[in-house]
Protein backbone atom coordinates (compact mmCIF):
# COMPACT_ATOMS: atom_id res chain seq x y z
CA MET A 1 104.51 90.88 86.27
CA HIS A 2 107.50 91.50 83.93
CA ILE A 3 110.06 94.20 83.48
CA ARG A 4 112.25 95.43 81.26
CA SER A 5 113.98 98.84 81.45
CA ILE A 6 114.41 101.36 78.30
CA GLY A 7 116.10 103.97 78.60
CA ARG A 8 114.88 108.17 77.94
CA VAL A 9 112.38 109.10 75.91
CA GLY A 10 111.60 112.36 74.57
CA ILE A 11 107.70 112.99 75.71
CA ALA A 12 108.06 116.60 76.81
CA ALA A 13 105.21 117.47 74.39
CA LEU A 14 102.71 114.58 75.67
CA PHE A 15 103.77 115.78 79.36
CA VAL A 16 102.44 119.74 78.41
CA VAL A 17 99.14 117.88 77.79
CA ALA A 18 98.98 114.79 80.24
CA ALA A 19 100.06 117.80 83.18
CA ALA A 20 97.02 119.69 82.76
CA ALA A 21 94.73 117.08 84.05
CA CYS A 22 96.85 115.42 86.20
CA GLY A 23 95.17 115.31 89.66
CA PRO A 24 93.81 112.10 91.28
CA ASP A 25 89.98 113.12 90.09
CA GLY A 26 90.77 114.42 86.98
CA PRO A 27 90.16 113.64 83.74
CA ASP A 28 92.50 111.81 81.42
CA ALA A 29 94.27 113.07 79.50
CA ALA A 30 94.66 112.95 76.19
CA GLY A 31 97.49 112.50 74.68
CA SER A 32 98.78 112.98 70.58
CA SER A 33 99.51 109.25 70.67
CA GLY A 34 96.72 106.62 71.97
CA SER A 35 98.08 104.40 73.21
CA ALA A 36 101.00 105.96 75.35
CA SER A 37 98.70 108.49 76.73
CA GLY A 38 95.93 105.49 77.82
CA GLN A 39 93.41 106.31 74.80
CA GLY A 40 92.38 102.73 73.25
CA ALA A 41 94.32 101.89 70.11
CA GLY A 42 91.88 99.69 68.86
CA ASN A 43 88.70 102.33 69.39
CA GLY A 44 89.88 105.17 69.88
CA ALA A 45 88.41 106.29 73.06
CA THR A 46 89.59 108.55 75.75
CA ALA A 47 88.49 109.22 78.87
CA ALA A 48 87.63 112.61 78.23
CA ASP A 49 84.97 110.96 75.35
CA THR A 50 84.19 108.13 78.12
CA GLY A 51 82.89 110.13 81.38
CA SER A 52 82.39 108.78 84.03
CA PRO A 53 83.81 105.71 84.41
CA GLY A 54 81.38 102.71 82.92
CA ALA A 55 79.97 105.38 80.33
CA GLY A 56 80.45 104.04 76.66
CA ALA A 57 83.85 102.07 75.34
CA ALA A 58 86.55 101.35 77.24
CA ASP A 59 90.32 103.93 76.87
CA ILE A 60 92.09 100.83 76.62
CA ALA A 61 91.55 97.12 75.32
CA PRO A 62 93.82 93.70 75.98
CA GLY A 63 97.24 93.68 74.27
CA ASP A 64 97.74 97.93 74.22
CA GLU A 65 100.36 99.94 75.25
CA VAL A 66 100.02 102.68 78.25
CA GLU A 67 101.91 104.93 79.43
CA PHE A 68 101.42 106.50 82.55
CA ILE A 69 103.40 109.29 83.33
CA ALA A 70 104.94 110.31 86.93
CA THR A 71 105.90 113.67 88.64
CA GLU A 72 105.51 114.97 91.72
CA PHE A 73 102.69 114.30 92.98
CA ALA A 74 100.54 113.02 90.31
CA PHE A 75 100.41 110.02 86.98
CA ALA A 76 98.60 110.75 84.33
CA PRO A 77 96.50 109.04 83.92
CA ALA A 78 94.70 108.45 86.42
CA ASP A 79 91.33 107.39 85.97
CA LEU A 80 91.63 104.80 82.80
CA MET A 81 88.63 102.33 81.44
CA ALA A 82 89.41 99.18 80.42
CA THR A 83 88.65 95.11 79.42
CA ALA A 84 89.99 92.99 81.14
CA GLY A 85 92.86 91.27 79.60
CA ALA A 86 97.16 91.39 79.89
CA TYR A 87 98.88 95.25 78.67
CA THR A 88 102.00 96.03 78.57
CA GLY A 89 102.83 99.12 80.85
CA VAL A 90 105.49 102.01 79.96
CA LEU A 91 106.68 104.03 84.12
CA VAL A 92 107.82 107.56 82.26
CA ASN A 93 108.99 109.40 85.24
CA ASP A 94 108.69 113.13 84.16
CA GLY A 95 109.32 114.08 87.91
CA SER A 96 113.08 115.31 89.62
CA ILE A 97 112.38 112.13 92.40
CA GLU A 98 112.52 108.80 91.39
CA HIS A 99 109.49 107.10 91.35
CA ASP A 100 107.75 104.18 90.88
CA ILE A 101 104.34 102.08 90.27
CA LYS A 102 102.87 99.09 91.76
CA PHE A 103 100.15 98.09 90.88
CA ASP A 104 97.81 96.10 93.68
CA ASN A 105 98.32 92.75 91.94
CA GLY A 106 102.27 93.24 91.04
CA ASP A 107 105.61 93.81 92.15
CA ALA A 108 106.97 97.40 91.86
CA ILE A 109 108.14 99.39 89.04
CA VAL A 110 111.22 101.66 89.32
CA ALA A 111 111.94 104.48 87.15
CA ALA A 112 115.01 107.19 88.04
CA ALA A 113 114.43 110.89 87.51
CA GLY A 114 114.42 111.47 83.43
CA GLU A 115 113.91 107.71 82.46
CA THR A 116 111.60 105.10 81.39
CA ALA A 117 110.91 101.17 81.95
CA GLU A 118 109.13 98.87 80.39
CA PHE A 119 106.81 95.97 82.13
CA ASP A 120 103.33 94.06 81.97
CA PHE A 121 100.12 94.38 83.36
CA GLU A 122 96.98 92.59 84.04
CA VAL A 123 93.76 93.65 84.62
CA PRO A 124 91.32 91.88 86.34
CA ALA A 125 87.46 91.51 85.80
CA GLU A 126 86.32 93.64 88.96
CA GLY A 127 88.93 96.61 87.81
CA ILE A 128 92.58 97.16 89.84
CA ARG A 129 94.32 99.95 91.35
CA TYR A 130 98.12 101.73 90.93
CA PHE A 131 100.26 103.28 93.00
CA CYS A 132 103.81 104.41 93.76
CA THR A 133 104.64 102.96 96.87
CA ILE A 134 107.38 105.72 98.32
CA PRO A 135 106.84 106.41 101.24
CA GLY A 136 104.45 109.62 101.13
CA HIS A 137 104.20 109.70 97.29
CA ALA A 138 100.70 107.72 96.87
CA GLU A 139 99.33 109.75 99.78
CA ALA A 140 100.58 113.26 98.15
CA GLY A 141 98.38 112.05 94.75
CA MET A 142 100.25 109.15 92.93
CA GLU A 143 97.23 107.04 92.73
CA GLY A 144 95.52 105.52 90.09
CA VAL A 145 92.86 103.48 89.31
CA ILE A 146 91.85 101.68 85.80
CA HIS A 147 87.65 100.61 85.56
CA THR A 148 86.31 97.84 83.93
CA GLU A 149 82.32 97.61 82.94
CA ALA A 150 82.03 95.22 86.23
CA SER A 151 84.07 98.19 88.23
CA ALA A 152 81.85 100.44 87.27
CA SER A 153 78.46 98.94 87.99
CA ALA A 154 79.36 98.17 90.58
CA ASP A 155 80.58 102.03 91.83
CA SER A 156 83.91 100.58 92.91
CA GLY A 157 85.25 104.64 94.18
CA GLY A 158 86.03 106.43 91.02
CA GLY A 159 90.03 105.90 91.84
CA GLU A 160 89.31 107.16 94.91
CA HIS A 161 92.10 105.39 97.57
CA ASP A 162 91.40 105.21 101.73
CA ASP A 163 93.87 102.59 103.23
CA GLY A 164 92.24 104.04 107.11
CA GLU A 165 95.45 105.31 108.31
CA GLU A 166 93.48 108.78 109.81
CA ALA A 167 90.43 107.79 110.07
CA ALA A 168 92.43 104.48 112.01
CA THR A 169 93.06 105.33 115.54
CA VAL A 170 96.96 104.36 116.26
CA GLU A 171 97.42 102.53 119.70
CA ALA A 172 99.99 102.75 121.89
CA ASP A 173 102.08 99.42 122.26
CA PRO A 174 103.13 98.11 125.81
CA ASP A 175 105.96 96.14 124.66
CA ALA A 176 107.55 99.00 122.63
CA ALA A 177 111.20 99.83 123.35
CA PRO A 178 112.14 103.41 125.64
CA TYR A 179 113.13 105.98 123.14
CA ASP A 180 116.84 106.68 123.01
CA LEU A 181 117.55 110.29 125.70
CA ARG A 182 118.88 112.81 123.19
CA ASP A 183 121.93 114.57 125.78
CA PRO A 184 120.84 118.24 124.59
CA ARG A 185 124.21 119.80 125.39
CA ALA A 186 124.96 121.75 122.31
CA PRO A 187 128.14 120.62 121.22
CA LYS A 188 131.86 123.14 120.87
CA ARG A 189 132.32 124.36 117.50
CA GLY A 190 133.56 121.11 115.14
CA GLU A 191 132.54 118.61 117.22
CA GLY A 192 130.70 115.96 116.67
CA ASP A 193 130.91 112.38 115.20
CA GLY A 194 132.11 112.48 111.50
CA PHE A 195 133.42 116.50 112.38
CA THR A 196 136.94 117.42 111.44
CA LEU A 197 137.57 120.71 112.43
CA ILE A 198 140.68 122.26 109.54
CA PRO A 199 141.99 124.95 110.60
CA GLY A 200 142.93 127.08 107.59
CA GLY A 201 141.82 124.47 105.67
CA ALA A 202 139.47 126.10 103.22
CA PRO A 203 139.94 127.15 99.51
CA ASP A 204 140.55 130.65 100.94
CA GLY A 205 142.34 129.86 104.05
CA GLY A 206 140.48 130.16 106.77
CA ASP A 207 138.82 126.95 109.29
CA LEU A 208 136.97 123.76 107.31
CA ILE A 209 134.31 121.90 109.60
CA ASP A 210 134.67 119.28 107.13
CA VAL A 211 131.13 116.51 108.00
CA GLU A 212 130.46 113.81 107.21
CA MET A 213 126.07 113.13 106.61
CA VAL A 214 124.63 109.49 105.98
CA VAL A 215 120.68 109.18 105.21
CA GLU A 216 119.44 106.21 107.34
CA GLU A 217 115.77 105.03 107.61
CA GLN A 218 115.39 103.27 110.78
CA LEU A 219 112.84 102.81 113.93
CA ALA A 220 112.99 105.17 116.68
CA THR A 221 110.08 105.16 119.84
CA VAL A 222 108.92 109.09 119.11
CA ALA A 223 106.60 108.56 122.67
CA GLU A 224 106.18 106.43 124.96
CA GLY A 225 104.43 103.39 122.85
CA TYR A 226 105.02 104.63 119.71
CA VAL A 227 107.51 103.01 116.92
CA GLN A 228 108.03 104.98 113.44
CA GLN A 229 109.86 104.39 110.56
CA ILE A 230 111.67 108.19 110.79
CA TRP A 231 114.24 109.11 108.38
CA THR A 232 117.36 110.72 109.61
CA PHE A 233 121.17 112.35 109.24
CA ASN A 234 123.42 110.13 110.84
CA GLY A 235 121.25 108.24 112.82
CA THR A 236 119.35 110.86 115.58
CA MET A 237 116.19 112.98 114.98
CA PRO A 238 117.45 116.03 115.27
CA GLY A 239 120.30 116.03 113.06
CA PRO A 240 124.04 116.08 114.15
CA VAL A 241 124.19 120.05 115.67
CA ILE A 242 126.92 121.46 112.76
CA ARG A 243 128.67 124.77 115.11
CA ALA A 244 130.46 126.85 113.30
CA GLN A 245 131.70 131.29 113.32
CA VAL A 246 131.11 133.31 110.83
CA GLY A 247 133.87 132.95 108.54
CA ASP A 248 134.19 129.26 108.31
CA THR A 249 133.72 126.92 105.26
CA VAL A 250 131.45 123.99 105.99
CA ARG A 251 131.53 120.80 103.80
CA VAL A 252 129.22 118.11 104.06
CA HIS A 253 129.35 114.86 102.06
CA LEU A 254 125.89 113.57 101.64
CA VAL A 255 125.06 110.09 101.04
CA ASN A 256 122.14 108.52 100.98
CA PRO A 257 122.52 104.53 100.75
CA PRO A 258 121.62 102.30 98.05
CA GLU A 259 119.47 100.62 100.60
CA ALA A 260 117.45 103.95 101.39
CA THR A 261 113.58 103.41 100.20
CA ALA A 262 113.69 106.75 99.24
CA SER A 263 115.36 110.13 97.08
CA HIS A 264 116.50 112.49 99.80
CA SER A 265 118.94 116.30 100.10
CA ILE A 266 119.88 118.32 101.74
CA ASP A 267 119.22 122.59 102.44
CA PHE A 268 121.54 124.11 104.32
CA HIS A 269 119.24 128.20 105.42
CA ALA A 270 122.81 128.81 106.64
CA SER A 271 124.06 128.71 103.18
CA GLN A 272 123.73 131.06 99.90
CA VAL A 273 124.06 128.65 97.43
CA ALA A 274 122.10 127.63 93.76
CA TRP A 275 118.80 125.29 95.02
CA ASN A 276 119.88 122.97 92.21
CA ASP A 277 123.41 122.43 92.82
CA GLU A 278 124.38 121.42 96.42
CA MET A 279 120.02 120.87 97.29
CA ARG A 280 119.51 118.47 94.69
CA SER A 281 118.13 115.18 95.32
CA LEU A 282 119.70 112.27 95.62
CA ALA A 283 119.19 108.64 94.65
CA PRO A 284 119.80 105.72 96.91
CA GLY A 285 123.21 104.89 96.13
CA GLU A 286 123.78 108.79 94.86
CA GLU A 287 126.51 111.85 96.98
CA LEU A 288 127.03 114.34 97.17
CA ILE A 289 129.50 117.32 98.18
CA TYR A 290 127.69 120.67 99.79
CA GLU A 291 130.17 123.17 100.91
CA PHE A 292 129.30 126.39 101.93
CA THR A 293 130.90 129.53 103.97
CA THR A 294 129.14 130.64 107.64
CA ASP A 295 128.59 134.32 106.01
CA TYR A 296 126.11 135.29 108.86
CA ALA A 297 125.82 134.40 112.49
CA GLY A 298 122.49 132.67 113.83
CA VAL A 299 120.72 129.45 114.79
CA TRP A 300 119.89 128.53 111.49
CA MET A 301 117.52 125.10 109.94
CA TYR A 302 118.55 122.72 107.76
CA HIS A 303 116.68 119.82 106.15
CA CYS A 304 115.76 117.85 103.12
CA GLY A 305 114.56 119.25 100.82
CA THR A 306 112.84 116.60 98.62
CA ASP A 307 109.72 116.88 97.26
CA PRO A 308 107.10 116.32 99.56
CA VAL A 309 109.24 118.51 101.43
CA LEU A 310 106.06 118.12 104.71
CA HIS A 311 107.05 114.45 104.95
CA HIS A 312 110.75 114.54 105.31
CA ILE A 313 110.61 117.07 107.79
CA ALA A 314 107.82 115.73 109.29
CA ASN A 315 109.40 112.03 109.10
CA GLY A 316 112.59 114.02 111.63
CA MET A 317 114.95 114.68 107.98
CA PHE A 318 115.84 118.40 110.29
CA GLY A 319 118.31 120.12 111.99
CA MET A 320 120.58 123.15 113.68
CA VAL A 321 123.60 125.16 112.40
CA VAL A 322 124.95 127.04 114.93
CA VAL A 323 126.63 130.61 113.59
CA GLU A 324 129.29 132.70 116.43
CA PRO A 325 129.72 135.54 115.32
CA THR A 326 133.37 136.40 114.42
CA GLY A 327 135.35 135.95 117.89
CA GLY A 328 132.47 133.20 118.96
CA LEU A 329 130.11 133.59 122.02
CA GLU A 330 130.88 135.12 125.27
CA PRO A 331 132.40 131.44 126.77
CA MET A 332 129.72 130.37 128.96
CA GLU A 333 130.11 126.94 131.08
CA ASN A 334 126.39 125.18 130.73
CA GLU A 335 124.89 125.12 126.94
CA PHE A 336 122.25 123.06 125.22
CA PHE A 337 120.25 123.01 122.04
CA MET A 338 116.66 122.54 122.08
CA VAL A 339 114.52 122.09 118.53
CA GLN A 340 110.89 121.63 118.88
CA HIS A 341 109.56 119.93 116.24
CA GLU A 342 106.20 118.12 116.00
CA TRP A 343 104.77 114.14 114.56
CA TYR A 344 102.35 113.04 113.17
CA LEU A 345 101.97 109.65 113.93
CA GLY A 346 101.06 106.76 111.32
CA PRO A 347 100.70 103.43 112.03
CA GLN A 348 103.33 101.25 114.29
CA GLY A 349 106.56 100.94 113.01
CA GLU A 350 105.59 102.43 109.51
CA VAL A 351 106.45 106.14 108.91
CA SER A 352 104.61 109.53 109.91
CA SER A 353 102.00 110.14 108.31
CA PHE A 354 101.04 112.23 105.07
CA GLY A 355 97.71 112.52 104.83
CA LYS A 356 97.51 114.30 108.66
CA ALA A 357 100.62 116.13 108.52
CA ASN A 358 99.31 117.98 105.02
CA GLN A 359 96.31 119.19 106.64
CA ALA A 360 94.94 122.78 106.74
CA ALA A 361 94.58 123.24 110.27
CA PRO A 362 97.95 121.40 110.82
CA ALA A 363 96.65 118.62 114.24
CA PRO A 364 100.45 116.60 115.57
CA ASP A 365 99.50 113.80 118.04
CA PHE A 366 102.70 115.05 119.61
CA VAL A 367 105.13 118.34 119.79
CA MET A 368 108.06 117.78 121.34
CA PHE A 369 111.73 118.77 122.07
CA ASN A 370 114.58 117.19 120.32
CA GLY A 371 112.80 113.89 119.09
CA ALA A 372 110.64 111.85 121.89
CA ALA A 373 108.12 113.68 123.88
CA PHE A 374 108.16 114.47 127.41
CA GLN A 375 112.45 113.12 127.94
CA TYR A 376 112.76 116.46 129.60
CA ARG A 377 110.04 116.25 132.08
CA ASP A 378 111.71 112.57 132.69
CA THR A 379 115.16 113.58 132.82
CA PRO A 380 115.57 117.14 134.09
CA ILE A 381 118.75 119.42 132.39
CA ASP A 382 121.06 119.97 135.50
CA VAL A 383 121.52 123.84 135.32
CA PRO A 384 124.22 125.16 138.90
CA THR A 385 121.59 127.26 140.81
CA GLY A 386 122.21 131.55 140.08
CA GLU A 387 124.82 131.12 137.39
CA GLN A 388 123.68 132.15 133.41
CA PHE A 389 123.18 129.34 130.60
CA ARG A 390 122.63 129.41 127.11
CA LEU A 391 120.68 128.01 125.24
CA PHE A 392 119.66 127.84 121.39
CA VAL A 393 116.21 127.48 120.57
CA LEU A 394 115.16 126.27 116.58
CA ASN A 395 111.60 125.56 116.22
CA VAL A 396 111.47 123.43 112.68
CA GLY A 397 107.97 123.12 112.77
CA PRO A 398 106.80 122.34 109.98
CA SER A 399 103.91 123.96 110.78
CA ILE A 400 103.16 124.85 113.92
CA ASP A 401 104.93 128.50 116.03
CA SER A 402 106.50 128.28 118.90
CA SER A 403 105.76 129.96 122.55
CA PHE A 404 109.18 128.91 124.18
CA HIS A 405 108.76 129.95 127.71
CA ILE A 406 110.87 128.28 130.58
CA VAL A 407 108.64 129.25 133.59
CA GLY A 408 110.05 130.51 136.88
CA THR A 409 112.52 132.38 134.47
CA ILE A 410 113.19 136.22 132.51
CA PHE A 411 115.27 135.60 129.81
CA ASP A 412 117.99 138.98 129.64
CA THR A 413 119.49 137.73 126.69
CA VAL A 414 118.01 136.99 122.44
CA ILE A 415 119.24 136.84 119.61
CA LYS A 416 115.79 136.34 117.42
CA GLU A 417 116.94 136.55 113.94
CA GLY A 418 119.72 138.86 114.18
CA VAL A 419 117.16 141.20 116.36
CA LYS A 420 119.53 141.56 119.61
CA LEU A 421 117.70 141.79 123.52
CA GLU A 422 120.89 142.15 125.09
CA ARG A 423 121.34 142.20 129.04
CA GLY A 424 121.79 144.82 131.21
CA ASN A 425 120.61 147.39 128.77
CA ASP A 426 119.20 150.76 129.53
CA GLY A 427 115.32 150.05 131.44
CA ASN A 428 116.46 147.21 132.13
CA TRP A 429 114.58 145.24 129.42
CA GLY A 430 113.81 141.16 129.67
CA SER A 431 111.77 138.74 127.57
CA GLN A 432 109.04 136.08 129.04
CA ALA A 433 108.85 134.61 125.77
CA VAL A 434 110.25 133.59 122.01
CA ASP A 435 107.93 133.71 119.71
CA LEU A 436 109.90 130.99 116.54
CA ALA A 437 107.55 130.75 113.51
CA PRO A 438 108.50 127.45 111.60
CA ALA A 439 112.51 127.45 110.98
CA GLN A 440 113.38 130.34 113.29
CA GLY A 441 116.08 129.78 115.92
CA ALA A 442 117.44 132.05 118.91
CA VAL A 443 120.13 132.32 120.97
CA ILE A 444 118.37 132.78 124.85
CA GLU A 445 120.67 133.44 128.23
CA LEU A 446 119.08 133.24 131.66
CA LEU A 447 119.19 131.77 135.05
CA ALA A 448 117.58 129.80 137.42
CA ALA A 449 117.48 132.36 141.03
CA GLU A 450 116.80 129.85 143.43
CA ASP A 451 116.67 125.55 143.70
CA GLY A 452 114.27 124.16 142.34
CA LEU A 453 112.40 123.20 138.96
CA TYR A 454 111.99 125.43 136.51
CA PRO A 455 108.90 123.72 133.48
CA MET A 456 110.54 124.06 129.37
CA VAL A 457 107.14 124.73 127.09
CA THR A 458 105.53 126.36 124.12
CA HIS A 459 102.83 128.96 125.29
CA ALA A 460 100.66 127.33 122.68
CA PHE A 461 98.84 125.29 125.76
CA ASN A 462 97.93 122.91 124.23
CA PHE A 463 100.77 121.03 123.01
CA PRO A 464 103.00 121.08 126.48
CA GLY A 465 100.15 117.55 127.47
CA ARG A 466 101.53 116.62 123.28
CA GLY A 467 104.97 116.19 124.74
CA ALA A 468 106.41 119.88 124.34
CA LEU A 469 107.25 119.85 128.77
CA GLY A 470 110.48 119.43 129.39
CA LEU A 471 112.15 120.05 133.14
CA VAL A 472 115.33 122.50 134.31
CA GLN A 473 116.15 121.33 137.12
CA ALA A 474 118.15 123.94 139.58
CA GLY A 475 120.33 122.30 142.68
CA ASP A 476 119.14 119.74 143.93
CA GLY A 477 115.50 120.70 142.89
CA GLU A 478 114.57 121.21 145.92
CA PRO A 479 112.92 124.87 146.66
């Protein structure tokens, strides 16, 4: 397949027509220029004219130039009739992130947002499928099919593609590497690899927390026997915990390296900045500076905001920001962070399944704390008996609620989304569980009254058996 890159072209008028029919099962867009919209230059027929594949004349004939408009997340056209032969294609990326197009018999052709790429392709007698190879994009709808008379007669499937991923069971690999145990201890303010706390270094004279954050795509064991290709910030899932106080400035240097397979971005819920500025998507090889002041205290989520956002979060791109009130929280020796999240298994060694995650009734394969199922059941979290300890808890979802509970304890202090239950309040009220919808967080304080083991779960009890189970060990763990 021969590829020729060309500059950006004006396509606004054509896109208005094409967008109305860009779904993978919808009819072809009838553009104003025959060859550009998939309309045959020689016969003037469009997919709308032909009706179902195989009825009537072909939309395109050998030698035509065929324009494929890519948006989030569809190609227009997505269904064409053709005569077998050689064609010229033009990929027009009218989306906001990088896309590519790949025919089953060729290589991927890439176009950055707002750009175009010209290439040659061959339609065989049996027809051919095309799709975007960026992980999750084809599942989200970026695929199409070019039928021929022979393929239509054989009922080749009408352009729908099913790679069998969701139907197949992902079997555990007994030779998979063990998961990496995540230290759950919360960092101090401004502490972390690649972090620098600069007193008085902010533009307003306040303190500056400078953070280098690099997108890393890597293999990781998410549960015993299951290895997935995860997307991370700084190589961990969840990403590094950023801890600050109200009034600090956080300056994040975000880098999406050239070897990345997809565009990425970052959205800090602790910030108040324009969505289309610091939160813009970065193509591989791009970087930006995201700067914000921590105006409000809380336990905040950050995550990749690049479409499909669901897949980027479900595949590991999330983390926690702890913003303490001015002057800080009451000092406490033992502090831990706990991020609840879901995992939807893709094939071994590949990214998570967007198709599974995108179901209206989500059914995750695993629900876990801090990146690996059952890790704190296997390695309990040690706390002193009878002493207060603190948890920063965040549910990043992307779709399941949490009912965070530690068996055998009562939470005497809870600050959930700015609402505070204080220890020693009038009436001596306490809390048994903290309900957290996706993107909600809490500060929890409690103690283990006696030596022993205290299970940590979500009290939605269909999920502890899928990984959302840990142990807090007080003393030697023996009553």
